[in-house]
Protein backbone atom coordinates (compact mmCIF):
# COMPACT_ATOMS: atom_id res chain seq x y z
CA UNK A 1 0.00 0.00 0.00
CA UNK A 2 1.30 3.43 -0.98
CA UNK A 3 -0.78 5.82 1.11
CA UNK A 4 -1.65 9.37 0.09
CA UNK A 5 -3.57 11.74 2.32
CA UNK A 6 -5.61 14.65 1.06
CA UNK A 7 -6.71 17.17 3.65
CA UNK A 8 -10.38 17.99 3.11
CA UNK A 9 -10.99 20.28 6.09
CA UNK A 10 -8.84 22.03 8.65
CA UNK A 11 -9.90 24.13 11.63
CA UNK A 12 -7.85 25.40 14.57
CA UNK A 13 -8.51 22.14 16.45
CA UNK A 14 -9.45 19.49 13.89
CA UNK A 15 -8.69 18.04 10.49
CA UNK A 16 -10.32 15.63 8.06
CA UNK A 17 -8.38 13.59 5.51
CA UNK A 18 -9.32 11.37 2.60
CA UNK A 19 -7.08 8.30 2.34
CA UNK A 20 -5.95 6.96 -1.03
CA UNK A 21 -3.90 3.92 -2.06
CA UNK A 22 -1.68 4.98 -4.97
CA UNK A 23 -1.03 1.34 -5.94
CA UNK A 24 -4.72 0.83 -6.81
CA UNK A 25 -6.92 2.81 -9.20
CA UNK A 26 -10.65 3.18 -9.69
CA UNK A 27 -12.63 2.94 -12.95
CA UNK A 28 -11.50 6.50 -13.87
CA UNK A 29 -7.84 5.51 -13.38
CA UNK A 30 -7.65 7.71 -10.25
CA UNK A 31 -6.04 6.55 -6.97
CA UNK A 32 -8.47 4.35 -5.06
CA UNK A 33 -10.02 5.91 -1.98
CA UNK A 34 -9.67 3.53 0.95
CA UNK A 35 -11.17 5.57 3.76
CA UNK A 36 -11.05 8.78 5.75
CA UNK A 37 -9.67 10.08 9.01
CA UNK A 38 -11.12 12.74 11.31
CA UNK A 39 -8.82 14.17 14.01
CA UNK A 40 -9.60 16.50 16.91
CA UNK A 41 -6.70 18.08 18.79
CA UNK A 42 -6.97 18.91 22.49
CA UNK A 43 -4.50 19.84 25.20
CA UNK A 44 -4.66 16.27 26.50
CA UNK A 45 -4.11 14.50 23.19
CA UNK A 46 -5.61 13.65 19.85
CA UNK A 47 -8.99 11.99 19.36
CA UNK A 48 -10.21 10.67 16.07
CA UNK A 49 -12.21 8.34 13.92
CA UNK A 50 -10.63 6.21 11.22
CA UNK A 51 -12.89 4.75 8.56
CA UNK A 52 -11.31 2.18 6.26
CA UNK A 53 -13.69 0.92 3.62
CA UNK A 54 -14.40 -2.75 4.11
CA UNK A 55 -12.25 -3.95 1.19
CA UNK A 56 -9.19 -2.02 2.44
CA UNK A 57 -9.77 -3.21 5.98
CA UNK A 58 -9.87 -6.86 4.90
CA UNK A 59 -6.37 -6.45 3.45
CA UNK A 60 -4.92 -5.41 6.84
CA UNK A 61 -4.57 -7.93 9.65
CA UNK A 62 -5.06 -6.53 13.17
CA UNK A 63 -1.31 -6.11 13.86
CA UNK A 64 -0.68 -4.39 10.52
CA UNK A 65 -3.72 -2.17 11.07
CA UNK A 66 -2.36 -1.12 14.48
CA UNK A 67 1.02 -0.27 12.93
CA UNK A 68 -0.75 1.58 10.09
CA UNK A 69 -2.70 3.73 12.57
CA UNK A 70 0.38 4.48 14.68
CA UNK A 71 2.44 5.47 11.63
CA UNK A 72 -0.41 7.60 10.27
CA UNK A 73 -0.83 9.45 13.55
CA UNK A 74 2.91 9.93 13.99
CA UNK A 75 2.99 11.67 10.61
CA UNK A 76 0.09 13.96 11.49
CA UNK A 77 0.25 14.56 15.23
CA UNK A 78 3.96 14.95 16.05
CA UNK A 79 4.57 17.79 13.57
CA UNK A 80 1.58 19.63 15.09
CA UNK A 81 3.35 19.59 18.49
CA UNK A 82 0.47 17.74 20.11
CA UNK A 83 0.88 15.34 23.04
CA UNK A 84 1.71 11.79 21.99
CA UNK A 85 -1.45 10.39 23.58
CA UNK A 86 -4.21 9.51 21.17
CA UNK A 87 -7.50 7.69 21.03
CA UNK A 88 -8.76 6.64 17.61
CA UNK A 89 -11.95 4.74 16.94
CA UNK A 90 -11.72 2.35 13.99
CA UNK A 91 -14.62 1.33 11.76
CA UNK A 92 -14.71 -0.71 8.55
CA UNK A 93 -18.03 0.04 6.86
CA UNK A 94 -19.11 -1.22 3.48
CA UNK A 95 -19.94 1.34 0.83
CA UNK A 96 -23.17 -0.36 -0.25
CA UNK A 97 -25.32 2.38 1.24
CA UNK A 98 -22.79 5.21 1.37
CA UNK A 99 -24.23 8.62 0.51
CA UNK A 100 -23.02 12.19 0.73
CA UNK A 101 -25.62 14.85 1.44
CA UNK A 102 -24.87 18.47 0.60
CA UNK A 103 -26.43 21.70 -0.48
CA UNK A 104 -23.63 22.73 -2.84
CA UNK A 105 -24.69 23.92 -6.27
CA UNK A 106 -23.05 21.71 -8.89
CA UNK A 107 -24.58 23.66 -11.77
CA UNK A 108 -27.05 20.87 -12.59
CA UNK A 109 -29.90 22.15 -10.44
CA UNK A 110 -32.71 24.21 -11.86
CA UNK A 111 -33.49 27.54 -10.13
CA UNK A 112 -36.51 25.94 -8.40
CA UNK A 113 -34.35 23.13 -7.00
CA UNK A 114 -31.67 25.58 -5.88
CA UNK A 115 -34.27 27.52 -3.90
CA UNK A 116 -35.57 24.39 -2.27
CA UNK A 117 -38.99 24.30 -3.92
CA UNK A 118 -40.22 21.03 -5.36
CA UNK A 119 -43.05 20.44 -7.84
C-alpha atoms as a PDB file:
ATOM      1  CA  UNK A   1       0.000   0.000   0.000  1.00  0.00           C
ATOM      2  CA  UNK A   2       1.303   3.426  -0.976  1.00  0.00           C
ATOM      3  CA  UNK A   3      -0.783   5.819   1.105  1.00  0.00           C
ATOM      4  CA  UNK A   4      -1.647   9.369   0.085  1.00  0.00           C
ATOM      5  CA  UNK A   5      -3.571  11.738   2.325  1.00  0.00           C
ATOM      6  CA  UNK A   6      -5.606  14.647   1.063  1.00  0.00           C
ATOM      7  CA  UNK A   7      -6.705  17.170   3.649  1.00  0.00           C
ATOM      8  CA  UNK A   8     -10.376  17.988   3.111  1.00  0.00           C
ATOM      9  CA  UNK A   9     -10.994  20.282   6.085  1.00  0.00           C
ATOM     10  CA  UNK A  10      -8.837  22.034   8.647  1.00  0.00           C
ATOM     11  CA  UNK A  11      -9.901  24.133  11.630  1.00  0.00           C
ATOM     12  CA  UNK A  12      -7.853  25.398  14.574  1.00  0.00           C
ATOM     13  CA  UNK A  13      -8.506  22.140  16.453  1.00  0.00           C
ATOM     14  CA  UNK A  14      -9.447  19.489  13.893  1.00  0.00           C
ATOM     15  CA  UNK A  15      -8.693  18.038  10.486  1.00  0.00           C
ATOM     16  CA  UNK A  16     -10.319  15.631   8.061  1.00  0.00           C
ATOM     17  CA  UNK A  17      -8.378  13.594   5.513  1.00  0.00           C
ATOM     18  CA  UNK A  18      -9.323  11.366   2.602  1.00  0.00           C
ATOM     19  CA  UNK A  19      -7.079   8.299   2.343  1.00  0.00           C
ATOM     20  CA  UNK A  20      -5.951   6.957  -1.034  1.00  0.00           C
ATOM     21  CA  UNK A  21      -3.902   3.917  -2.061  1.00  0.00           C
ATOM     22  CA  UNK A  22      -1.682   4.977  -4.973  1.00  0.00           C
ATOM     23  CA  UNK A  23      -1.033   1.340  -5.939  1.00  0.00           C
ATOM     24  CA  UNK A  24      -4.720   0.833  -6.811  1.00  0.00           C
ATOM     25  CA  UNK A  25      -6.916   2.806  -9.199  1.00  0.00           C
ATOM     26  CA  UNK A  26     -10.651   3.182  -9.690  1.00  0.00           C
ATOM     27  CA  UNK A  27     -12.628   2.936 -12.953  1.00  0.00           C
ATOM     28  CA  UNK A  28     -11.501   6.495 -13.869  1.00  0.00           C
ATOM     29  CA  UNK A  29      -7.837   5.511 -13.376  1.00  0.00           C
ATOM     30  CA  UNK A  30      -7.654   7.706 -10.251  1.00  0.00           C
ATOM     31  CA  UNK A  31      -6.042   6.553  -6.971  1.00  0.00           C
ATOM     32  CA  UNK A  32      -8.470   4.347  -5.059  1.00  0.00           C
ATOM     33  CA  UNK A  33     -10.024   5.907  -1.979  1.00  0.00           C
ATOM     34  CA  UNK A  34      -9.671   3.528   0.949  1.00  0.00           C
ATOM     35  CA  UNK A  35     -11.172   5.575   3.759  1.00  0.00           C
ATOM     36  CA  UNK A  36     -11.048   8.776   5.748  1.00  0.00           C
ATOM     37  CA  UNK A  37      -9.668  10.083   9.009  1.00  0.00           C
ATOM     38  CA  UNK A  38     -11.118  12.740  11.313  1.00  0.00           C
ATOM     39  CA  UNK A  39      -8.818  14.167  14.009  1.00  0.00           C
ATOM     40  CA  UNK A  40      -9.603  16.495  16.908  1.00  0.00           C
ATOM     41  CA  UNK A  41      -6.702  18.082  18.788  1.00  0.00           C
ATOM     42  CA  UNK A  42      -6.971  18.906  22.493  1.00  0.00           C
ATOM     43  CA  UNK A  43      -4.498  19.836  25.204  1.00  0.00           C
ATOM     44  CA  UNK A  44      -4.657  16.267  26.497  1.00  0.00           C
ATOM     45  CA  UNK A  45      -4.109  14.496  23.191  1.00  0.00           C
ATOM     46  CA  UNK A  46      -5.614  13.646  19.850  1.00  0.00           C
ATOM     47  CA  UNK A  47      -8.990  11.993  19.355  1.00  0.00           C
ATOM     48  CA  UNK A  48     -10.212  10.669  16.069  1.00  0.00           C
ATOM     49  CA  UNK A  49     -12.207   8.345  13.916  1.00  0.00           C
ATOM     50  CA  UNK A  50     -10.630   6.206  11.221  1.00  0.00           C
ATOM     51  CA  UNK A  51     -12.892   4.748   8.559  1.00  0.00           C
ATOM     52  CA  UNK A  52     -11.313   2.181   6.261  1.00  0.00           C
ATOM     53  CA  UNK A  53     -13.685   0.920   3.624  1.00  0.00           C
ATOM     54  CA  UNK A  54     -14.404  -2.754   4.112  1.00  0.00           C
ATOM     55  CA  UNK A  55     -12.246  -3.945   1.193  1.00  0.00           C
ATOM     56  CA  UNK A  56      -9.190  -2.019   2.437  1.00  0.00           C
ATOM     57  CA  UNK A  57      -9.774  -3.214   5.976  1.00  0.00           C
ATOM     58  CA  UNK A  58      -9.870  -6.855   4.898  1.00  0.00           C
ATOM     59  CA  UNK A  59      -6.374  -6.446   3.448  1.00  0.00           C
ATOM     60  CA  UNK A  60      -4.918  -5.414   6.836  1.00  0.00           C
ATOM     61  CA  UNK A  61      -4.575  -7.927   9.651  1.00  0.00           C
ATOM     62  CA  UNK A  62      -5.058  -6.528  13.167  1.00  0.00           C
ATOM     63  CA  UNK A  63      -1.308  -6.112  13.864  1.00  0.00           C
ATOM     64  CA  UNK A  64      -0.677  -4.389  10.521  1.00  0.00           C
ATOM     65  CA  UNK A  65      -3.724  -2.169  11.067  1.00  0.00           C
ATOM     66  CA  UNK A  66      -2.359  -1.120  14.477  1.00  0.00           C
ATOM     67  CA  UNK A  67       1.024  -0.267  12.930  1.00  0.00           C
ATOM     68  CA  UNK A  68      -0.749   1.580  10.086  1.00  0.00           C
ATOM     69  CA  UNK A  69      -2.697   3.734  12.572  1.00  0.00           C
ATOM     70  CA  UNK A  70       0.376   4.478  14.682  1.00  0.00           C
ATOM     71  CA  UNK A  71       2.442   5.472  11.625  1.00  0.00           C
ATOM     72  CA  UNK A  72      -0.405   7.598  10.268  1.00  0.00           C
ATOM     73  CA  UNK A  73      -0.829   9.453  13.552  1.00  0.00           C
ATOM     74  CA  UNK A  74       2.914   9.927  13.991  1.00  0.00           C
ATOM     75  CA  UNK A  75       2.990  11.668  10.610  1.00  0.00           C
ATOM     76  CA  UNK A  76       0.090  13.962  11.485  1.00  0.00           C
ATOM     77  CA  UNK A  77       0.254  14.562  15.235  1.00  0.00           C
ATOM     78  CA  UNK A  78       3.956  14.948  16.046  1.00  0.00           C
ATOM     79  CA  UNK A  79       4.572  17.792  13.567  1.00  0.00           C
ATOM     80  CA  UNK A  80       1.583  19.625  15.094  1.00  0.00           C
ATOM     81  CA  UNK A  81       3.354  19.593  18.488  1.00  0.00           C
ATOM     82  CA  UNK A  82       0.474  17.743  20.111  1.00  0.00           C
ATOM     83  CA  UNK A  83       0.882  15.344  23.044  1.00  0.00           C
ATOM     84  CA  UNK A  84       1.713  11.787  21.992  1.00  0.00           C
ATOM     85  CA  UNK A  85      -1.445  10.394  23.579  1.00  0.00           C
ATOM     86  CA  UNK A  86      -4.211   9.512  21.173  1.00  0.00           C
ATOM     87  CA  UNK A  87      -7.504   7.687  21.033  1.00  0.00           C
ATOM     88  CA  UNK A  88      -8.758   6.644  17.608  1.00  0.00           C
ATOM     89  CA  UNK A  89     -11.949   4.739  16.941  1.00  0.00           C
ATOM     90  CA  UNK A  90     -11.719   2.352  13.992  1.00  0.00           C
ATOM     91  CA  UNK A  91     -14.616   1.332  11.757  1.00  0.00           C
ATOM     92  CA  UNK A  92     -14.705  -0.714   8.554  1.00  0.00           C
ATOM     93  CA  UNK A  93     -18.030   0.038   6.863  1.00  0.00           C
ATOM     94  CA  UNK A  94     -19.110  -1.223   3.481  1.00  0.00           C
ATOM     95  CA  UNK A  95     -19.935   1.342   0.827  1.00  0.00           C
ATOM     96  CA  UNK A  96     -23.169  -0.357  -0.248  1.00  0.00           C
ATOM     97  CA  UNK A  97     -25.325   2.377   1.245  1.00  0.00           C
ATOM     98  CA  UNK A  98     -22.788   5.211   1.367  1.00  0.00           C
ATOM     99  CA  UNK A  99     -24.231   8.619   0.512  1.00  0.00           C
ATOM    100  CA  UNK A 100     -23.015  12.186   0.729  1.00  0.00           C
ATOM    101  CA  UNK A 101     -25.616  14.848   1.442  1.00  0.00           C
ATOM    102  CA  UNK A 102     -24.873  18.470   0.596  1.00  0.00           C
ATOM    103  CA  UNK A 103     -26.432  21.702  -0.481  1.00  0.00           C
ATOM    104  CA  UNK A 104     -23.634  22.727  -2.835  1.00  0.00           C
ATOM    105  CA  UNK A 105     -24.688  23.922  -6.270  1.00  0.00           C
ATOM    106  CA  UNK A 106     -23.047  21.710  -8.892  1.00  0.00           C
ATOM    107  CA  UNK A 107     -24.575  23.655 -11.774  1.00  0.00           C
ATOM    108  CA  UNK A 108     -27.046  20.868 -12.595  1.00  0.00           C
ATOM    109  CA  UNK A 109     -29.899  22.152 -10.440  1.00  0.00           C
ATOM    110  CA  UNK A 110     -32.710  24.214 -11.864  1.00  0.00           C
ATOM    111  CA  UNK A 111     -33.488  27.537 -10.126  1.00  0.00           C
ATOM    112  CA  UNK A 112     -36.505  25.944  -8.400  1.00  0.00           C
ATOM    113  CA  UNK A 113     -34.350  23.129  -7.002  1.00  0.00           C
ATOM    114  CA  UNK A 114     -31.667  25.576  -5.884  1.00  0.00           C
ATOM    115  CA  UNK A 115     -34.269  27.525  -3.905  1.00  0.00           C
ATOM    116  CA  UNK A 116     -35.568  24.388  -2.266  1.00  0.00           C
ATOM    117  CA  UNK A 117     -38.990  24.304  -3.924  1.00  0.00           C
ATOM    118  CA  UNK A 118     -40.220  21.027  -5.360  1.00  0.00           C
ATOM    119  CA  UNK A 119     -43.047  20.436  -7.842  1.00  0.00           C
END
